[in-house]
Protein backbone atom coordinates (compact mmCIF):
# COMPACT_ATOMS: atom_id res chain seq x y z
CA MET A 1 9.70 8.16 -23.10
CA ALA A 2 7.94 8.69 -19.77
CA GLU A 3 9.96 8.05 -16.66
CA GLU A 4 8.85 5.04 -14.57
CA LYS A 5 7.38 5.79 -11.15
CA VAL A 6 9.52 4.59 -8.26
CA PHE A 7 7.73 2.71 -5.48
CA PRO A 8 9.45 3.12 -2.12
CA MET A 9 8.80 0.12 0.14
CA THR A 10 10.26 -1.96 2.91
CA LYS A 11 11.93 -5.28 2.17
CA ALA A 12 8.98 -7.05 3.85
CA GLY A 13 6.53 -5.05 1.72
CA LYS A 14 8.30 -6.10 -1.47
CA GLU A 15 8.29 -9.74 -0.36
CA LYS A 16 4.53 -9.52 0.31
CA LEU A 17 3.94 -8.18 -3.22
CA GLU A 18 6.12 -10.94 -4.67
CA GLN A 19 4.07 -13.57 -2.80
CA GLU A 20 0.81 -12.08 -4.09
CA LEU A 21 2.21 -12.05 -7.64
CA GLU A 22 3.28 -15.69 -7.36
CA TYR A 23 -0.19 -16.67 -6.06
CA LEU A 24 -1.95 -14.83 -8.89
CA LYS A 25 0.27 -16.40 -11.55
CA THR A 26 0.30 -19.97 -10.26
CA VAL A 27 -3.10 -20.42 -8.57
CA LYS A 28 -5.62 -17.71 -9.37
CA ARG A 29 -4.90 -17.58 -13.11
CA LYS A 30 -5.56 -21.33 -13.41
CA GLU A 31 -8.77 -21.07 -11.37
CA VAL A 32 -10.12 -18.33 -13.66
CA VAL A 33 -9.22 -20.24 -16.83
CA GLU A 34 -11.07 -23.24 -15.43
CA ARG A 35 -14.14 -21.08 -14.66
CA ILE A 36 -14.10 -19.78 -18.24
CA LYS A 37 -13.85 -23.33 -19.58
CA VAL A 38 -16.82 -24.48 -17.49
CA ALA A 39 -18.87 -21.40 -18.43
CA ARG A 40 -18.20 -22.02 -22.14
CA SER A 41 -19.65 -25.48 -21.80
CA PHE A 42 -23.02 -23.92 -20.90
CA GLY A 43 -23.52 -22.92 -24.54
CA ASP A 44 -24.54 -19.53 -25.93
CA LEU A 45 -21.97 -16.99 -24.71
CA SER A 46 -24.12 -13.95 -25.54
CA GLU A 47 -26.43 -14.60 -22.57
CA ASN A 48 -24.00 -16.42 -20.30
CA SER A 49 -23.50 -14.45 -17.07
CA GLU A 50 -21.06 -17.03 -15.66
CA TYR A 51 -18.84 -16.54 -18.71
CA ASP A 52 -19.05 -12.74 -18.45
CA SER A 53 -18.21 -12.87 -14.75
CA ALA A 54 -15.23 -15.17 -15.32
CA LYS A 55 -13.91 -12.95 -18.14
CA GLU A 56 -14.21 -9.88 -15.87
CA GLU A 57 -12.30 -11.68 -13.14
CA GLN A 58 -9.66 -12.71 -15.66
CA ALA A 59 -9.23 -9.07 -16.73
CA PHE A 60 -8.90 -8.02 -13.08
CA VAL A 61 -6.31 -10.73 -12.31
CA GLU A 62 -4.24 -9.91 -15.41
CA GLY A 63 -4.39 -6.19 -14.58
CA ARG A 64 -3.25 -6.85 -11.01
CA ILE A 65 -0.39 -9.05 -12.26
CA THR A 66 0.79 -6.23 -14.54
CA THR A 67 0.53 -3.69 -11.72
CA LEU A 68 2.46 -5.90 -9.29
CA GLU A 69 5.18 -6.64 -11.84
CA ASN A 70 5.61 -2.91 -12.43
CA MET A 71 5.72 -2.12 -8.70
CA ILE A 72 8.28 -4.86 -8.01
CA ARG A 73 10.43 -3.88 -11.00
CA ASN A 74 10.47 -0.24 -9.86
CA ALA A 75 10.71 -0.90 -6.13
CA LYS A 76 13.17 1.16 -4.11
CA ILE A 77 13.89 -0.56 -0.82
CA ILE A 78 13.78 1.80 2.14
CA GLU A 79 17.07 1.55 3.99
CA GLU A 80 16.77 1.53 7.76
CA ASP A 81 18.08 4.73 9.31
CA THR A 82 19.56 3.42 12.56
CA GLU A 83 21.60 6.58 13.17
CA ASN A 84 18.76 9.03 13.64
CA LYS A 85 16.29 7.72 16.21
CA THR A 86 14.40 11.00 16.76
CA THR A 87 13.50 12.09 13.22
CA VAL A 88 10.43 10.82 11.39
CA SER A 89 11.36 9.19 8.07
CA LEU A 90 10.10 6.62 5.61
CA GLY A 91 9.98 3.13 7.09
CA LYS A 92 9.78 4.30 10.70
CA SER A 93 6.91 4.14 13.16
CA VAL A 94 5.83 7.42 14.72
CA THR A 95 3.74 7.78 17.84
CA PHE A 96 1.92 11.05 18.46
CA ILE A 97 -0.93 12.51 20.45
CA GLU A 98 -3.57 14.79 19.05
CA LEU A 99 -3.60 18.06 20.97
CA PRO A 100 -5.04 19.26 23.23
CA ASP A 101 -6.23 15.97 24.78
CA GLY A 102 -6.19 13.18 22.23
CA GLU A 103 -5.05 9.65 22.77
CA GLU A 104 -1.79 8.20 21.54
CA GLU A 105 -1.70 6.84 17.98
CA THR A 106 1.09 4.99 16.20
CA TYR A 107 1.59 4.64 12.44
CA THR A 108 4.38 3.31 10.27
CA ILE A 109 5.13 5.49 7.27
CA VAL A 110 5.58 3.36 4.16
CA GLY A 111 5.44 3.80 0.39
CA SER A 112 2.02 3.91 -1.26
CA ALA A 113 2.46 0.35 -2.58
CA GLU A 114 2.26 -1.17 0.89
CA ALA A 115 0.04 1.33 2.72
CA ASP A 116 -2.69 -0.31 4.82
CA PRO A 117 -4.32 1.97 7.39
CA PHE A 118 -6.03 -1.02 9.05
CA GLU A 119 -2.55 -2.38 9.85
CA GLY A 120 -1.30 1.03 10.97
CA LYS A 121 0.70 1.64 7.78
CA ILE A 122 0.13 5.01 6.11
CA SER A 123 1.37 6.17 2.73
CA ASN A 124 4.18 8.70 2.53
CA ASP A 125 1.82 10.58 0.17
CA SER A 126 -0.90 11.00 2.82
CA PRO A 127 -1.44 14.41 4.44
CA MET A 128 -0.50 12.98 7.85
CA ALA A 129 2.79 11.48 6.66
CA LYS A 130 3.72 14.53 4.58
CA SER A 131 3.31 16.71 7.68
CA LEU A 132 5.32 14.38 9.93
CA LEU A 133 8.25 13.47 7.66
CA GLY A 134 11.48 15.16 8.74
CA ARG A 135 10.05 16.27 12.10
CA GLN A 136 11.61 15.50 15.50
CA VAL A 137 10.37 13.89 18.72
CA GLY A 138 8.77 16.59 20.88
CA GLU A 139 7.69 18.79 17.96
CA GLU A 140 4.12 19.96 17.57
CA VAL A 141 2.94 19.67 13.99
CA VAL A 142 -0.15 21.06 12.27
CA VAL A 143 -1.61 18.45 9.91
CA GLN A 144 -3.93 19.65 7.17
CA THR A 145 -6.62 17.03 6.64
CA PRO A 146 -9.80 17.06 4.55
CA GLY A 147 -11.75 17.42 7.81
CA GLY A 148 -9.73 20.45 8.91
CA ASP A 149 -6.42 21.16 10.60
CA MET A 150 -5.31 19.15 13.60
CA THR A 151 -2.29 19.61 15.82
CA VAL A 152 -0.27 16.62 17.00
CA LYS A 153 2.78 16.23 19.22
CA ILE A 154 5.36 13.62 18.25
CA VAL A 155 6.04 11.40 21.25
CA ARG A 156 8.25 8.62 19.87
CA VAL A 157 9.95 7.43 16.68
CA ASP A 158 10.90 3.74 16.28
């Protein structure tokens, strides 16, 4: 039997997934079922775009529920490392500057399940995070990105 994938995440990240799952199960599922019921009342299902659309949404919602249940079941909560305040690790925020003259950027390294670059959360599987993990404040790191290599200097770890 295949081994289940483990999803590293913060406690807050797991709670956010649990809230989304609860919403999908208690609210969204009922809304979609109601849309299907209304669409059925329009008659012939073979040419009923409202019915097709509602069925597609139902498939998406059910798929997302299954995905979330799997992620929550296999979640591994990232323990806060309060001892080591200078090493980049999962769950910590890292501030760096792109060399030679870039501006300061800060990202929190999280598991792929809760990554959201727009909120400054990058996946531990991303090229940036892979290059920074285990590094110390003050180190210069070469990050291999699809657009080419870039060098950054780690300024702070929180």
